[in-house]
Protein backbone atom coordinates (compact mmCIF):
# COMPACT_ATOMS: atom_id res chain seq x y z
CA MET A 1 0.04 -0.03 -0.01
CA LEU A 2 2.82 2.42 0.94
CA THR A 3 4.64 1.81 -2.39
CA GLY A 4 1.54 2.39 -4.56
CA GLN A 5 1.87 -1.05 -6.11
CA GLY A 6 -1.22 -3.05 -6.55
CA ILE A 7 -4.86 -1.96 -6.26
CA TRP A 8 -6.35 -2.02 -2.71
CA VAL A 9 -9.94 -2.02 -1.57
CA GLN A 10 -11.58 -1.83 1.89
CA LEU A 11 -13.68 -4.91 2.90
CA LEU A 12 -15.89 -3.41 5.60
CA SER A 13 -19.61 -3.61 4.89
CA GLU A 14 -21.51 -6.90 5.35
CA PRO A 15 -24.89 -8.06 4.06
CA GLY A 16 -27.53 -6.83 6.47
CA GLY A 17 -24.92 -4.98 8.50
CA GLY A 18 -25.53 -1.39 7.40
CA SER A 19 -22.87 0.98 8.51
CA ASP A 20 -22.28 -0.61 11.97
CA MET A 21 -18.69 -1.70 11.73
CA ALA A 22 -18.77 -2.86 15.43
CA GLY A 23 -21.45 -5.33 14.40
CA ALA A 24 -19.13 -7.24 12.04
CA ARG A 25 -19.96 -10.98 11.77
CA THR A 26 -17.17 -12.06 9.49
CA GLN A 27 -14.82 -14.15 11.60
CA ALA A 28 -11.15 -14.79 11.31
CA VAL A 29 -9.66 -17.73 13.25
CA ARG A 30 -5.86 -18.01 13.62
CA GLN A 31 -4.55 -21.16 11.79
CA GLY A 32 -0.78 -21.50 11.63
CA PRO A 33 0.80 -18.34 10.30
CA GLY A 34 -2.41 -16.90 8.92
CA TYR A 35 -6.25 -16.83 9.38
CA VAL A 36 -9.15 -18.75 8.12
CA VAL A 37 -11.95 -16.25 7.27
CA ASN A 38 -15.64 -16.99 7.12
CA GLY A 39 -18.22 -14.45 6.19
CA SER A 40 -19.18 -11.98 3.45
CA LYS A 41 -18.45 -8.44 2.51
CA ILE A 42 -20.58 -6.31 0.17
CA TRP A 43 -20.68 -3.05 -1.71
CA THR A 44 -16.93 -3.17 -2.41
CA THR A 45 -16.30 -0.83 -5.38
CA GLY A 46 -13.40 -2.04 -7.54
CA ALA A 47 -13.10 -5.46 -6.00
CA HIS A 48 -13.05 -7.19 -9.38
CA VAL A 49 -9.88 -5.30 -10.38
CA ALA A 50 -8.15 -5.19 -7.00
CA ASP A 51 -5.19 -7.17 -5.81
CA TYR A 52 -5.58 -6.81 -2.06
CA GLY A 53 -8.22 -6.02 0.40
CA LEU A 54 -7.98 -4.57 3.91
CA LEU A 55 -10.57 -6.92 5.62
CA LEU A 56 -12.38 -6.09 8.82
CA ALA A 57 -13.03 -9.34 10.79
CA ARG A 58 -13.91 -10.41 14.30
CA THR A 59 -10.92 -12.19 15.74
CA ASP A 60 -12.23 -12.42 19.32
CA PRO A 61 -15.88 -13.50 19.45
CA GLU A 62 -15.87 -13.24 23.20
CA ALA A 63 -14.98 -9.56 23.27
CA THR A 64 -17.51 -6.79 23.53
CA LYS A 65 -19.08 -5.28 20.36
CA HIS A 66 -16.45 -2.59 19.82
CA HIS A 67 -13.47 -4.79 20.69
CA GLY A 68 -12.12 -8.06 19.19
CA LEU A 69 -11.95 -6.60 15.70
CA SER A 70 -8.85 -6.70 13.43
CA MET A 71 -7.92 -5.45 9.98
CA ILE A 72 -6.29 -8.15 7.95
CA VAL A 73 -4.43 -7.71 4.60
CA THR A 74 -6.04 -10.15 2.18
CA PRO A 75 -4.62 -11.06 -1.24
CA LEU A 76 -7.92 -11.26 -3.33
CA ALA A 77 -6.42 -14.00 -5.51
CA THR A 78 -6.33 -16.37 -2.53
CA PRO A 79 -8.08 -19.67 -3.28
CA GLY A 80 -11.59 -19.75 -1.66
CA ILE A 81 -12.28 -16.03 -2.21
CA THR A 82 -15.18 -15.49 -4.58
CA ILE A 83 -15.85 -11.99 -6.12
CA SER A 84 -19.22 -11.56 -7.78
CA PRO A 85 -20.82 -8.45 -9.22
CA ILE A 86 -23.86 -6.79 -7.81
CA ARG A 87 -26.18 -5.90 -10.67
CA LEU A 88 -28.09 -2.67 -10.50
CA ALA A 89 -31.50 -2.10 -11.99
CA THR A 90 -29.63 -0.44 -14.94
CA GLY A 91 -27.62 -3.53 -15.49
CA ALA A 92 -24.50 -1.81 -14.37
CA SER A 93 -22.21 -3.53 -11.91
CA PRO A 94 -20.01 -1.02 -10.07
CA MET A 95 -19.80 -2.98 -6.78
CA ALA A 96 -19.07 -6.53 -5.72
CA ARG A 97 -19.85 -9.13 -3.05
CA ILE A 98 -16.82 -10.87 -1.52
CA ARG A 99 -17.02 -14.34 0.02
CA PRO A 100 -13.78 -15.33 1.80
CA GLY A 101 -13.19 -18.83 2.98
């Protein structure tokens, strides 16, 4: 991100989550040197051309609502990540739905 190489997006909003980032339900569980992520992100403009995402996930499900959240750098070419367009009524597709895991 600091060098300007690659295209980055923010993976924040979730289906049914509105703008309440503290209510994130996407979970990341430590496994070896990385994380296994389960959940969905939505309304991610540019995801279909991005190389990396900065993913908001709940890493401590026992913590209170505003705690236990982490931002995780996620290469979007990782096996298991699905990026699909959201079609608007006009047929355009400026945003995407992300399904890690």
